[in-house]
Amino acid sequence: MNNVVNWFSRKRLVFISLMAVLVYFISYFNEVLNLPLFYDDFCCVDDRIFNLFAIFIPIFIFTIIFINLNEIKFTRWKKFTLIYLIIYLIIYFIVPTQGDGYIWFQKETVSFFGSILFLIVSLILILYKSLIKE
């Protein structure tokens, strides 16, 4: 696990999260950008508002925040992010694309609340770790 976490250096994490954010915005605005027709369903489900790549917006923001912070705190946050992403992806791919009467949540709901939950938990971890004296 540590080898995987250590592979994600600051530069790699910034690059990967930036590319994922760009994919998210391109898929969100593909009709406005007048992209070719084969991009219509690119990485999107139904309404293209909340999809798999929405989680990378808070990841990109926190990566930019952590560029100038302590390496130990950054490594702890990377471990949390990697574990959270694995759980998030498993849940995202298990839930249905469209909910029915019995299941109210769907992929867009999972990505929206998953991104918000990641943002809140990351903020709590950052504040908690910065207030504790090491």
C-alpha atoms as a PDB file:
ATOM      1  CA  MET A   1       0.000   0.000   0.000  1.00  0.00           C
ATOM      2  CA  ASN A   2       2.819   2.401   0.827  1.00  0.00           C
ATOM      3  CA  ASN A   3       4.413   1.845  -2.589  1.00  0.00           C
ATOM      4  CA  VAL A   4       1.204   2.867  -4.302  1.00  0.00           C
ATOM      5  CA  VAL A   5       0.801   5.905  -2.049  1.00  0.00           C
ATOM      6  CA  ASN A   6       4.423   6.941  -2.582  1.00  0.00           C
ATOM      7  CA  TRP A   7       4.017   6.673  -6.368  1.00  0.00           C
ATOM      8  CA  PHE A   8       1.564   9.584  -6.228  1.00  0.00           C
ATOM      9  CA  SER A   9       3.980  12.450  -5.839  1.00  0.00           C
ATOM     10  CA  ARG A  10       2.726  16.012  -5.643  1.00  0.00           C
ATOM     11  CA  LYS A  11       3.341  16.609  -9.344  1.00  0.00           C
ATOM     12  CA  ARG A  12       1.635  13.383 -10.396  1.00  0.00           C
ATOM     13  CA  LEU A  13      -1.342  14.019  -8.165  1.00  0.00           C
ATOM     14  CA  VAL A  14      -1.738  17.554  -9.514  1.00  0.00           C
ATOM     15  CA  PHE A  15      -1.476  16.283 -13.097  1.00  0.00           C
ATOM     16  CA  ILE A  16      -3.892  13.356 -12.634  1.00  0.00           C
ATOM     17  CA  SER A  17      -6.482  15.407 -10.768  1.00  0.00           C
ATOM     18  CA  LEU A  18      -6.211  18.270 -13.271  1.00  0.00           C
ATOM     19  CA  MET A  19      -6.748  15.882 -16.198  1.00  0.00           C
ATOM     20  CA  ALA A  20      -9.745  14.295 -14.452  1.00  0.00           C
ATOM     21  CA  VAL A  21     -11.254  17.731 -13.742  1.00  0.00           C
ATOM     22  CA  LEU A  22     -10.795  18.650 -17.406  1.00  0.00           C
ATOM     23  CA  VAL A  23     -12.505  15.417 -18.463  1.00  0.00           C
ATOM     24  CA  TYR A  24     -15.343  16.220 -16.083  1.00  0.00           C
ATOM     25  CA  PHE A  25     -15.860  19.730 -17.459  1.00  0.00           C
ATOM     26  CA  ILE A  26     -15.521  18.623 -21.078  1.00  0.00           C
ATOM     27  CA  SER A  27     -18.104  15.911 -20.509  1.00  0.00           C
ATOM     28  CA  TYR A  28     -20.362  18.360 -18.682  1.00  0.00           C
ATOM     29  CA  PHE A  29     -20.150  21.083 -21.328  1.00  0.00           C
ATOM     30  CA  ASN A  30     -19.786  18.917 -24.439  1.00  0.00           C
ATOM     31  CA  GLU A  31     -23.031  20.192 -25.971  1.00  0.00           C
ATOM     32  CA  VAL A  32     -22.074  23.819 -25.357  1.00  0.00           C
ATOM     33  CA  LEU A  33     -18.583  23.259 -26.792  1.00  0.00           C
ATOM     34  CA  ASN A  34     -20.065  21.703 -29.975  1.00  0.00           C
ATOM     35  CA  LEU A  35     -17.826  18.668 -29.775  1.00  0.00           C
ATOM     36  CA  PRO A  36     -18.235  15.932 -32.401  1.00  0.00           C
ATOM     37  CA  LEU A  37     -21.231  13.632 -32.036  1.00  0.00           C
ATOM     38  CA  PHE A  38     -19.260  10.650 -30.707  1.00  0.00           C
ATOM     39  CA  TYR A  39     -18.420  12.643 -27.551  1.00  0.00           C
ATOM     40  CA  ASP A  40     -22.103  12.923 -26.585  1.00  0.00           C
ATOM     41  CA  ASP A  41     -21.971   9.976 -24.191  1.00  0.00           C
ATOM     42  CA  PHE A  42     -18.362  10.425 -23.142  1.00  0.00           C
ATOM     43  CA  CYS A  43     -17.988   9.247 -19.524  1.00  0.00           C
ATOM     44  CA  CYS A  44     -21.484  10.386 -18.753  1.00  0.00           C
ATOM     45  CA  VAL A  45     -24.746   8.904 -17.687  1.00  0.00           C
ATOM     46  CA  ASP A  46     -28.073  10.497 -18.609  1.00  0.00           C
ATOM     47  CA  ASP A  47     -27.828  14.152 -17.634  1.00  0.00           C
ATOM     48  CA  ARG A  48     -24.034  14.629 -17.371  1.00  0.00           C
ATOM     49  CA  ILE A  49     -24.345  16.794 -14.268  1.00  0.00           C
ATOM     50  CA  PHE A  50     -22.752  14.535 -11.668  1.00  0.00           C
ATOM     51  CA  ASN A  51     -20.594  11.697 -12.889  1.00  0.00           C
ATOM     52  CA  LEU A  52     -17.623   9.657 -11.872  1.00  0.00           C
ATOM     53  CA  PHE A  53     -15.082  12.459 -12.268  1.00  0.00           C
ATOM     54  CA  ALA A  54     -16.849  14.913  -9.954  1.00  0.00           C
ATOM     55  CA  ILE A  55     -14.793  13.568  -7.039  1.00  0.00           C
ATOM     56  CA  PHE A  56     -11.628  14.944  -8.621  1.00  0.00           C
ATOM     57  CA  ILE A  57     -12.703  18.556  -8.131  1.00  0.00           C
ATOM     58  CA  PRO A  58     -12.133  18.449  -4.339  1.00  0.00           C
ATOM     59  CA  ILE A  59      -9.082  16.221  -4.842  1.00  0.00           C
ATOM     60  CA  PHE A  60      -7.576  18.853  -7.154  1.00  0.00           C
ATOM     61  CA  ILE A  61      -8.374  21.643  -4.692  1.00  0.00           C
ATOM     62  CA  PHE A  62      -6.779  19.813  -1.755  1.00  0.00           C
ATOM     63  CA  THR A  63      -3.758  18.834  -3.841  1.00  0.00           C
ATOM     64  CA  ILE A  64      -3.167  22.509  -4.594  1.00  0.00           C
ATOM     65  CA  ILE A  65      -3.597  23.324  -0.886  1.00  0.00           C
ATOM     66  CA  PHE A  66      -1.130  20.597   0.136  1.00  0.00           C
ATOM     67  CA  ILE A  67       1.606  21.688  -2.265  1.00  0.00           C
ATOM     68  CA  ASN A  68       3.116  23.975   0.376  1.00  0.00           C
ATOM     69  CA  LEU A  69       2.270  21.960   3.483  1.00  0.00           C
ATOM     70  CA  ASN A  70       4.186  19.393   5.481  1.00  0.00           C
ATOM     71  CA  GLU A  71       5.140  16.115   3.737  1.00  0.00           C
ATOM     72  CA  ILE A  72       3.848  13.978   6.625  1.00  0.00           C
ATOM     73  CA  LYS A  73       0.399  15.585   6.462  1.00  0.00           C
ATOM     74  CA  PHE A  74       0.391  15.251   2.692  1.00  0.00           C
ATOM     75  CA  THR A  75       1.249  11.536   2.913  1.00  0.00           C
ATOM     76  CA  ARG A  76      -1.536  10.920   5.442  1.00  0.00           C
ATOM     77  CA  TRP A  77      -4.001  12.728   3.217  1.00  0.00           C
ATOM     78  CA  LYS A  78      -2.830  10.711   0.191  1.00  0.00           C
ATOM     79  CA  LYS A  79      -3.471   7.462   2.077  1.00  0.00           C
ATOM     80  CA  PHE A  80      -6.934   8.628   3.062  1.00  0.00           C
ATOM     81  CA  THR A  81      -7.638   9.745  -0.521  1.00  0.00           C
ATOM     82  CA  LEU A  82      -6.538   6.436  -2.013  1.00  0.00           C
ATOM     83  CA  ILE A  83      -8.674   4.399   0.403  1.00  0.00           C
ATOM     84  CA  TYR A  84     -11.628   6.739  -0.107  1.00  0.00           C
ATOM     85  CA  LEU A  85     -11.309   6.518  -3.904  1.00  0.00           C
ATOM     86  CA  ILE A  86     -11.302   2.721  -3.836  1.00  0.00           C
ATOM     87  CA  ILE A  87     -14.444   2.632  -1.677  1.00  0.00           C
ATOM     88  CA  TYR A  88     -16.054   5.382  -3.772  1.00  0.00           C
ATOM     89  CA  LEU A  89     -15.392   3.555  -7.052  1.00  0.00           C
ATOM     90  CA  ILE A  90     -16.748   0.268  -5.707  1.00  0.00           C
ATOM     91  CA  ILE A  91     -19.947   1.954  -4.528  1.00  0.00           C
ATOM     92  CA  TYR A  92     -20.234   3.979  -7.744  1.00  0.00           C
ATOM     93  CA  PHE A  93     -20.056   0.924  -9.970  1.00  0.00           C
ATOM     94  CA  ILE A  94     -22.424  -1.131  -7.795  1.00  0.00           C
ATOM     95  CA  VAL A  95     -25.329   1.339  -7.679  1.00  0.00           C
ATOM     96  CA  PRO A  96     -27.768   1.464 -10.591  1.00  0.00           C
ATOM     97  CA  THR A  97     -27.716   4.116 -13.288  1.00  0.00           C
ATOM     98  CA  GLN A  98     -31.321   5.014 -12.605  1.00  0.00           C
ATOM     99  CA  GLY A  99     -33.167   4.443  -9.364  1.00  0.00           C
ATOM    100  CA  ASP A 100     -36.579   2.889  -9.167  1.00  0.00           C
ATOM    101  CA  GLY A 101     -39.244   3.084  -6.483  1.00  0.00           C
ATOM    102  CA  TYR A 102     -37.245   0.979  -4.038  1.00  0.00           C
ATOM    103  CA  ILE A 103     -33.792   2.447  -4.639  1.00  0.00           C
ATOM    104  CA  TRP A 104     -33.756   6.241  -4.448  1.00  0.00           C
ATOM    105  CA  PHE A 105     -30.049   6.705  -5.089  1.00  0.00           C
ATOM    106  CA  GLN A 106     -28.217   6.348  -8.366  1.00  0.00           C
ATOM    107  CA  LYS A 107     -24.754   7.048  -9.796  1.00  0.00           C
ATOM    108  CA  GLU A 108     -25.241  10.826  -9.879  1.00  0.00           C
ATOM    109  CA  THR A 109     -26.385  10.849  -6.258  1.00  0.00           C
ATOM    110  CA  VAL A 110     -23.400   8.772  -5.177  1.00  0.00           C
ATOM    111  CA  SER A 111     -20.946  11.024  -7.021  1.00  0.00           C
ATOM    112  CA  PHE A 112     -22.515  14.213  -5.630  1.00  0.00           C
ATOM    113  CA  PHE A 113     -22.668  13.065  -2.004  1.00  0.00           C
ATOM    114  CA  GLY A 114     -19.358  11.212  -2.335  1.00  0.00           C
ATOM    115  CA  SER A 115     -17.646  14.435  -3.407  1.00  0.00           C
ATOM    116  CA  ILE A 116     -19.235  16.427  -0.596  1.00  0.00           C
ATOM    117  CA  LEU A 117     -18.359  13.750   1.963  1.00  0.00           C
ATOM    118  CA  PHE A 118     -14.753  13.690   0.725  1.00  0.00           C
ATOM    119  CA  LEU A 119     -14.575  17.477   0.989  1.00  0.00           C
ATOM    120  CA  ILE A 120     -15.931  17.518   4.543  1.00  0.00           C
ATOM    121  CA  VAL A 121     -13.801  14.628   5.809  1.00  0.00           C
ATOM    122  CA  SER A 122     -10.661  16.093   4.211  1.00  0.00           C
ATOM    123  CA  LEU A 123     -11.310  19.452   5.852  1.00  0.00           C
ATOM    124  CA  ILE A 124     -11.833  17.767   9.213  1.00  0.00           C
ATOM    125  CA  LEU A 125      -8.616  15.752   8.811  1.00  0.00           C
ATOM    126  CA  ILE A 126      -6.636  18.834   7.809  1.00  0.00           C
ATOM    127  CA  LEU A 127      -7.956  20.887  10.713  1.00  0.00           C
ATOM    128  CA  TYR A 128      -7.511  18.049  13.201  1.00  0.00           C
ATOM    129  CA  LYS A 129      -3.962  17.277  12.098  1.00  0.00           C
ATOM    130  CA  SER A 130      -2.970  20.949  12.004  1.00  0.00           C
ATOM    131  CA  LEU A 131      -4.297  21.591  15.524  1.00  0.00           C
ATOM    132  CA  ILE A 132      -2.516  18.597  17.049  1.00  0.00           C
ATOM    133  CA  LYS A 133       1.062  19.277  18.027  1.00  0.00           C
ATOM    134  CA  GLU A 134       3.446  16.788  16.525  1.00  0.00           C
END
